[in-house]
């Protein structure tokens, strides 16, 4: 299974607070430079990268002189606001030394649960990656409330892996991986090199609490791996302090714990599209569009749509039916019903003229579509 790591083309790399802040002392610039050097090497080798960085709260605590993590939301938000400044500056300056551009992206749970905002975030991240920019993502700790928090950046990283359709999620932590027993208490504990993410036996060995700085332990990392597996991504849980850890993973070295999905990337995403969202409307296609979708596996363009039925928003699921009324596909629509009415039957070049803006040239992109 390790060849899936060496062949993967899009990585989401998540780095935990304890690693980034040298166990709470301050931002560890030397360690960050080492990871950046490895990520730049991957980047130049053609690997598309998204970085999910913890550390804002921990860095803020250090700057404010707080010895222990507060429990009050407003204090956590204040620490995050202070720490985020230094965290982003540190990442930007480190990547800039290698002439690699970065972009800050702050997300909340609402951004990924609301279909319109999901598509907006997805489009932005994919555009950044295509431009060769490395997005640096963190939870927007300064505005979240207790009800909408991801709870930990492991979960955020898995959701981002789903969002950008990553091949691989790498979770860098202060432990070398998952063990068959707690290595802090059992010197005979053995590293689990490879396993299926959905293996129920892993639950028994994923116990243990998080460190003083973080919100998640090995249990959250296992949950993150299972969440990433839903869209077909592999996950490696590995020690961030291992020398050249990212480079050695890319070279195929058996470091950390590799958790693999049941299905491949495309099959998992298609299953999710087919079975987990409610239909909000219908697009009636002409025969040419039906052929383009079913035989040529192309995206749906406005020119192939003859009629719009129902009321839907950008990002919601719609059915695509042929002239005979039979459903041929379903997918996430890039425009609302009102917008689609204005551009149906027209070429993609007409979208800007009709609406005054362009989200995407496609009405439904093939990556967000499943044939039925």
Protein backbone atom coordinates (compact mmCIF):
# COMPACT_ATOMS: atom_id res chain seq x y z
CA UNK A 1 0.00 0.00 0.00
CA UNK A 2 2.97 2.35 0.42
CA UNK A 3 3.09 2.87 -3.33
CA UNK A 4 -0.10 4.92 -2.94
CA UNK A 5 1.97 7.44 -0.98
CA UNK A 6 4.72 7.64 -3.59
CA UNK A 7 2.20 7.98 -6.42
CA UNK A 8 -0.10 10.51 -4.73
CA UNK A 9 -0.30 13.89 -6.46
CA UNK A 10 -2.22 16.06 -3.98
CA UNK A 11 -1.29 16.15 -0.30
CA UNK A 12 -2.93 17.78 2.68
CA UNK A 13 -0.31 18.15 5.43
CA UNK A 14 -1.51 18.87 8.97
CA UNK A 15 0.96 19.93 11.65
CA UNK A 16 -0.06 19.94 15.33
CA UNK A 17 0.35 22.62 17.99
CA UNK A 18 2.90 20.76 20.12
CA UNK A 19 5.23 20.42 17.13
CA UNK A 20 4.81 23.98 15.90
CA UNK A 21 5.30 25.62 19.27
CA UNK A 22 8.05 23.38 20.66
CA UNK A 23 5.62 22.02 23.28
CA UNK A 24 4.28 25.47 24.06
CA UNK A 25 7.49 27.46 24.41
CA UNK A 26 7.13 29.55 21.24
CA UNK A 27 6.88 29.03 17.49
CA UNK A 28 9.69 26.67 16.51
CA UNK A 29 11.15 28.49 13.51
CA UNK A 30 13.85 25.93 12.92
CA UNK A 31 11.38 23.04 12.74
CA UNK A 32 9.03 25.06 10.50
CA UNK A 33 11.93 25.79 8.13
CA UNK A 34 12.70 22.07 7.93
CA UNK A 35 9.13 21.14 7.03
CA UNK A 36 8.93 23.98 4.52
CA UNK A 37 12.13 22.83 2.81
CA UNK A 38 10.63 19.37 2.40
CA UNK A 39 7.25 20.73 1.22
CA UNK A 40 8.99 22.95 -1.33
CA UNK A 41 10.86 19.91 -2.66
CA UNK A 42 7.56 18.06 -3.01
CA UNK A 43 6.00 21.13 -4.61
CA UNK A 44 8.77 21.35 -7.20
CA UNK A 45 8.44 17.64 -7.90
CA UNK A 46 4.82 18.23 -8.97
CA UNK A 47 2.97 17.41 -5.75
CA UNK A 48 0.08 19.80 -5.07
CA UNK A 49 0.11 20.89 -1.43
CA UNK A 50 -2.36 22.24 1.11
CA UNK A 51 -1.07 22.94 4.62
CA UNK A 52 -3.38 22.79 7.64
CA UNK A 53 -1.59 24.51 10.49
CA UNK A 54 -2.49 24.36 14.14
CA UNK A 55 -0.68 26.61 16.56
CA UNK A 56 -2.58 29.91 16.60
CA UNK A 57 -3.95 29.47 20.12
CA UNK A 58 -0.70 27.98 21.43
CA UNK A 59 1.39 30.75 19.84
CA UNK A 60 -0.96 33.35 21.31
CA UNK A 61 -0.71 31.76 24.75
CA UNK A 62 3.06 32.00 24.51
CA UNK A 63 2.94 35.66 23.47
CA UNK A 64 0.48 36.47 26.26
CA UNK A 65 2.49 34.56 28.86
CA UNK A 66 -0.28 32.06 29.66
CA UNK A 67 1.01 28.77 31.05
CA UNK A 68 -2.16 26.70 30.54
CA UNK A 69 -4.80 26.55 27.84
CA UNK A 70 -7.93 28.51 28.89
CA UNK A 71 -11.38 26.96 28.72
CA UNK A 72 -13.40 30.14 28.12
CA UNK A 73 -14.23 30.67 24.44
CA UNK A 74 -13.52 34.42 24.50
CA UNK A 75 -10.05 33.80 25.95
CA UNK A 76 -9.30 31.14 23.33
CA UNK A 77 -10.45 33.55 20.63
CA UNK A 78 -8.22 36.30 22.01
CA UNK A 79 -5.22 33.96 22.09
CA UNK A 80 -5.95 32.85 18.53
CA UNK A 81 -6.17 36.44 17.31
CA UNK A 82 -2.77 37.25 18.84
CA UNK A 83 -1.11 34.02 17.73
CA UNK A 84 -2.47 33.96 14.19
CA UNK A 85 -0.43 37.06 13.31
CA UNK A 86 2.90 35.45 14.14
CA UNK A 87 1.90 32.04 12.78
CA UNK A 88 1.01 33.30 9.31
CA UNK A 89 4.05 35.59 9.15
CA UNK A 90 6.30 32.67 10.07
CA UNK A 91 4.88 30.41 7.35
CA UNK A 92 4.93 33.17 4.73
CA UNK A 93 8.52 34.20 5.39
CA UNK A 94 9.73 30.59 5.46
CA UNK A 95 8.11 29.72 2.10
CA UNK A 96 9.22 33.07 0.63
CA UNK A 97 12.84 32.06 1.17
CA UNK A 98 12.20 29.45 -1.54
CA UNK A 99 10.17 31.83 -3.78
CA UNK A 100 6.93 29.92 -3.09
CA UNK A 101 3.74 31.94 -2.61
CA UNK A 102 1.35 31.17 0.24
CA UNK A 103 -2.23 32.16 1.01
CA UNK A 104 -4.03 32.30 4.35
CA UNK A 105 -7.43 30.58 4.49
CA UNK A 106 -9.51 30.59 7.69
CA UNK A 107 -12.49 28.22 7.78
CA UNK A 108 -15.40 27.45 10.10
CA UNK A 109 -17.75 24.47 10.14
CA UNK A 110 -20.42 26.57 8.39
CA UNK A 111 -18.10 27.05 5.43
CA UNK A 112 -18.11 23.31 4.76
CA UNK A 113 -21.67 22.43 5.79
CA UNK A 114 -23.36 25.13 3.67
CA UNK A 115 -23.35 23.90 0.06
CA UNK A 116 -22.81 27.34 -1.51
CA UNK A 117 -19.92 28.19 0.79
CA UNK A 118 -18.54 24.68 0.31
CA UNK A 119 -18.33 25.26 -3.44
CA UNK A 120 -16.86 28.72 -2.96
CA UNK A 121 -14.15 27.35 -0.64
CA UNK A 122 -13.49 24.46 -3.00
CA UNK A 123 -13.15 26.74 -6.03
CA UNK A 124 -10.80 29.10 -4.19
CA UNK A 125 -8.55 26.31 -2.91
CA UNK A 126 -8.40 24.53 -6.24
CA UNK A 127 -7.53 27.81 -7.98
CA UNK A 128 -4.75 28.53 -5.49
CA UNK A 129 -3.30 25.05 -5.95
CA UNK A 130 -3.47 25.36 -9.75
CA UNK A 131 -1.60 28.67 -9.49
CA UNK A 132 1.20 26.98 -7.57
CA UNK A 133 0.29 28.73 -4.31
CA UNK A 134 0.39 26.77 -1.04
CA UNK A 135 -2.79 27.50 0.99
CA UNK A 136 -2.19 27.67 4.75
CA UNK A 137 -5.44 26.74 6.47
CA UNK A 138 -6.57 27.06 10.07
CA UNK A 139 -9.89 27.07 11.84
CA UNK A 140 -11.17 30.61 12.27
CA UNK A 141 -10.75 30.47 16.05
CA UNK A 142 -11.38 34.19 16.50
CA UNK A 143 -15.06 33.99 15.48
CA UNK A 144 -16.22 30.40 16.11
CA UNK A 145 -18.59 29.54 18.92
CA UNK A 146 -18.76 26.30 20.88
CA UNK A 147 -21.55 24.95 18.66
CA UNK A 148 -19.77 25.32 15.31
CA UNK A 149 -16.17 24.43 16.16
CA UNK A 150 -14.47 21.61 14.31
CA UNK A 151 -13.15 20.59 17.71
CA UNK A 152 -9.67 19.89 16.43
CA UNK A 153 -7.56 20.55 13.35
CA UNK A 154 -7.33 16.82 12.60
CA UNK A 155 -11.01 16.92 11.66
CA UNK A 156 -10.51 20.17 9.75
CA UNK A 157 -7.64 18.59 7.80
CA UNK A 158 -9.81 15.59 6.86
CA UNK A 159 -12.63 17.86 5.69
CA UNK A 160 -10.13 19.85 3.63
CA UNK A 161 -8.85 16.58 2.12
CA UNK A 162 -12.44 15.84 1.09
CA UNK A 163 -12.87 19.40 -0.18
CA UNK A 164 -9.85 19.41 -2.49
CA UNK A 165 -10.09 15.69 -3.36
CA UNK A 166 -6.63 14.97 -1.98
CA UNK A 167 -4.93 11.63 -2.55
CA UNK A 168 -3.14 11.74 0.79
CA UNK A 169 -3.62 13.27 4.23
CA UNK A 170 -0.43 13.45 6.32
CA UNK A 171 -0.95 14.17 10.02
CA UNK A 172 2.32 15.17 11.67
CA UNK A 173 2.17 14.60 15.40
CA UNK A 174 4.45 14.26 18.43
CA UNK A 175 4.15 10.45 18.34
CA UNK A 176 5.65 8.16 15.71
CA UNK A 177 2.26 6.78 14.69
CA UNK A 178 -0.42 4.44 16.05
CA UNK A 179 0.75 1.61 18.33
CA UNK A 180 -0.96 -1.61 19.39
CA UNK A 181 -0.62 -0.38 23.00
CA UNK A 182 0.23 2.90 24.70
CA UNK A 183 4.02 3.24 24.26
CA UNK A 184 4.16 5.66 27.18
CA UNK A 185 3.19 2.83 29.52
CA UNK A 186 4.12 -0.32 27.61
CA UNK A 187 7.71 -0.64 26.32
CA UNK A 188 6.64 -3.65 24.24
CA UNK A 189 4.14 -1.60 22.20
CA UNK A 190 4.61 -2.08 18.45
CA UNK A 191 3.98 0.45 15.71
CA UNK A 192 1.05 -0.36 13.41
CA UNK A 193 2.58 0.18 9.98
CA UNK A 194 -0.52 -0.34 7.81
CA UNK A 195 -4.23 -0.92 8.35
CA UNK A 196 -7.62 -0.25 6.86
CA UNK A 197 -9.09 2.99 8.20
CA UNK A 198 -12.40 1.26 8.95
CA UNK A 199 -10.81 -1.59 10.94
CA UNK A 200 -12.78 -1.67 14.24
CA UNK A 201 -9.76 -3.14 16.05
CA UNK A 202 -8.10 0.29 15.82
CA UNK A 203 -10.62 1.82 18.24
CA UNK A 204 -9.21 -0.18 21.12
CA UNK A 205 -5.68 1.15 20.59
CA UNK A 206 -6.54 4.78 19.81
CA UNK A 207 -7.12 5.77 23.44
CA UNK A 208 -5.20 8.40 25.30
CA UNK A 209 -5.76 12.07 25.82
CA UNK A 210 -4.44 15.03 23.88
CA UNK A 211 -1.53 17.06 25.09
CA UNK A 212 -1.98 20.25 27.07
CA UNK A 213 -1.89 22.40 23.94
CA UNK A 214 -4.09 20.44 21.55
CA UNK A 215 -7.74 19.49 21.41
CA UNK A 216 -7.37 16.05 19.87
CA UNK A 217 -5.54 12.82 20.66
CA UNK A 218 -5.03 9.66 18.64
CA UNK A 219 -8.78 9.07 18.64
CA UNK A 220 -9.37 12.28 16.69
CA UNK A 221 -6.63 11.29 14.25
CA UNK A 222 -8.32 7.95 13.66
CA UNK A 223 -11.66 9.70 13.13
CA UNK A 224 -9.96 12.08 10.72
CA UNK A 225 -8.49 9.16 8.75
CA UNK A 226 -11.94 7.59 8.49
CA UNK A 227 -13.44 10.87 7.35
CA UNK A 228 -10.72 11.30 4.72
CA UNK A 229 -11.29 7.70 3.60
CA UNK A 230 -14.90 8.54 2.70
CA UNK A 231 -13.58 10.44 -0.31
CA UNK A 232 -10.91 7.84 -1.05
CA UNK A 233 -7.86 9.49 0.54
CA UNK A 234 -5.16 7.59 2.40
CA UNK A 235 -3.91 8.95 5.73
CA UNK A 236 -0.45 8.70 7.27
CA UNK A 237 -0.15 9.45 11.00
CA UNK A 238 3.54 10.02 11.65
CA UNK A 239 6.02 11.74 13.93
CA UNK A 240 6.76 15.27 12.82
CA UNK A 241 10.16 15.29 14.50
CA UNK A 242 11.44 12.38 12.40
CA UNK A 243 14.27 13.70 10.25
CA UNK A 244 13.13 14.47 6.67
CA UNK A 245 9.82 12.82 7.44
CA UNK A 246 7.88 14.18 4.44
CA UNK A 247 10.67 13.48 1.96
CA UNK A 248 11.15 9.96 3.27
CA UNK A 249 7.42 9.24 3.03
CA UNK A 250 7.50 10.36 -0.58
CA UNK A 251 10.45 8.05 -1.21
CA UNK A 252 8.36 5.12 0.03
CA UNK A 253 9.90 4.59 3.44
CA UNK A 254 7.57 2.79 5.88
CA UNK A 255 7.27 5.54 8.48
CA UNK A 256 4.26 6.07 10.75
CA UNK A 257 0.89 4.41 10.28
CA UNK A 258 -0.74 4.27 6.85
CA UNK A 259 -4.54 3.99 6.98
CA UNK A 260 -6.11 3.18 3.63
CA UNK A 261 -9.71 3.59 2.41
CA UNK A 262 -12.03 0.83 1.30
CA UNK A 263 -12.62 2.51 -2.07
CA UNK A 264 -10.55 4.53 -4.48
CA UNK A 265 -10.72 8.30 -4.75
CA UNK A 266 -13.20 8.55 -7.62
CA UNK A 267 -15.45 5.69 -6.51
CA UNK A 268 -15.75 7.05 -2.96
CA UNK A 269 -16.63 10.58 -4.10
CA UNK A 270 -19.18 9.32 -6.60
CA UNK A 271 -20.83 7.20 -3.91
CA UNK A 272 -21.03 10.23 -1.64
CA UNK A 273 -22.63 12.33 -4.37
CA UNK A 274 -25.06 9.56 -5.29
CA UNK A 275 -26.36 8.75 -1.85
CA UNK A 276 -25.88 11.54 0.67
CA UNK A 277 -27.58 14.69 -0.62
CA UNK A 278 -31.22 15.61 -1.25
CA UNK A 279 -32.31 16.56 -4.76
CA UNK A 280 -33.38 20.22 -5.00
CA UNK A 281 -34.28 20.59 -8.66
CA UNK A 282 -34.04 19.26 -12.20
CA UNK A 283 -32.16 20.30 -15.34
CA UNK A 284 -33.74 19.09 -18.61
CA UNK A 285 -31.01 18.41 -21.18
CA UNK A 286 -31.00 18.12 -24.95
CA UNK A 287 -29.75 14.96 -26.65
CA UNK A 288 -26.30 16.44 -27.30
CA UNK A 289 -25.76 17.21 -23.63
CA UNK A 290 -26.88 13.70 -22.65
CA UNK A 291 -24.28 12.25 -25.03
CA UNK A 292 -21.59 14.61 -23.70
CA UNK A 293 -22.27 13.45 -20.14
CA UNK A 294 -22.84 9.74 -20.62
CA UNK A 295 -20.48 8.88 -23.48
CA UNK A 296 -17.82 11.60 -23.46
CA UNK A 297 -17.80 12.07 -19.65
CA UNK A 298 -17.78 15.84 -19.95
CA UNK A 299 -19.13 18.57 -17.68
CA UNK A 300 -22.59 20.02 -18.21
CA UNK A 301 -22.50 23.40 -19.95
CA UNK A 302 -25.44 25.87 -19.99
CA UNK A 303 -25.84 25.44 -23.75
CA UNK A 304 -27.13 21.88 -23.30
CA UNK A 305 -29.96 22.78 -20.90
CA UNK A 306 -33.50 23.20 -22.28
CA UNK A 307 -35.49 23.77 -19.07
CA UNK A 308 -35.11 24.36 -15.33
CA UNK A 309 -37.43 22.83 -12.75
CA UNK A 310 -37.54 23.51 -9.01
CA UNK A 311 -35.91 26.07 -6.76
CA UNK A 312 -32.27 25.48 -5.82
CA UNK A 313 -29.24 27.43 -4.66
CA UNK A 314 -25.67 27.30 -5.86
CA UNK A 315 -24.04 24.17 -4.46
CA UNK A 316 -27.21 22.10 -4.07
CA UNK A 317 -27.90 18.75 -5.73
CA UNK A 318 -29.89 18.65 -8.95
CA UNK A 319 -30.99 15.85 -11.25
CA UNK A 320 -30.10 15.92 -14.95
CA UNK A 321 -32.74 14.32 -17.19
CA UNK A 322 -32.81 13.71 -20.92
CA UNK A 323 -35.53 14.69 -23.41
CA UNK A 324 -37.39 11.49 -22.50
CA UNK A 325 -37.52 12.46 -18.81
CA UNK A 326 -35.15 9.72 -17.66
CA UNK A 327 -32.46 10.74 -15.17
CA UNK A 328 -28.94 10.40 -16.56
CA UNK A 329 -26.88 12.14 -13.87
CA UNK A 330 -26.98 14.17 -10.69
CA UNK A 331 -24.54 16.68 -9.31
CA UNK A 332 -23.80 19.91 -7.47
CA UNK A 333 -24.94 22.90 -9.48
CA UNK A 334 -22.73 25.99 -9.81
CA UNK A 335 -25.61 28.44 -10.23
CA UNK A 336 -28.98 29.00 -8.57
CA UNK A 337 -32.25 28.23 -10.37
CA UNK A 338 -32.80 31.92 -11.12
CA UNK A 339 -29.28 32.27 -12.52
CA UNK A 340 -29.58 29.05 -14.51
CA UNK A 341 -32.78 30.33 -16.12
CA UNK A 342 -30.86 33.31 -17.50
CA UNK A 343 -27.98 31.32 -18.99
CA UNK A 344 -29.57 28.04 -20.13
CA UNK A 345 -29.22 27.35 -23.83
CA UNK A 346 -26.33 29.81 -24.08
CA UNK A 347 -22.60 29.33 -24.50
CA UNK A 348 -20.38 29.68 -21.43
CA UNK A 349 -18.99 32.95 -22.85
CA UNK A 350 -22.51 34.42 -22.38
CA UNK A 351 -22.53 33.89 -18.59
CA UNK A 352 -20.68 37.09 -17.69
CA UNK A 353 -22.86 39.15 -20.01
CA UNK A 354 -26.08 37.69 -18.62
CA UNK A 355 -25.18 37.73 -14.90
CA UNK A 356 -22.40 40.30 -14.60
CA UNK A 357 -20.10 37.67 -13.03
CA UNK A 358 -18.87 34.12 -13.61
CA UNK A 359 -18.60 31.44 -10.90
CA UNK A 360 -17.61 28.64 -13.26
CA UNK A 361 -17.96 28.04 -17.04
CA UNK A 362 -19.86 24.80 -16.29
CA UNK A 363 -23.34 24.49 -14.88
CA UNK A 364 -22.33 21.20 -13.25
CA UNK A 365 -18.65 20.17 -13.27
CA UNK A 366 -17.93 16.51 -14.00
CA UNK A 367 -15.96 16.24 -10.71
CA UNK A 368 -19.19 17.08 -8.87
CA UNK A 369 -21.38 14.75 -10.93
CA UNK A 370 -22.30 11.08 -10.87
CA UNK A 371 -23.99 9.19 -13.70
CA UNK A 372 -27.05 7.13 -12.75
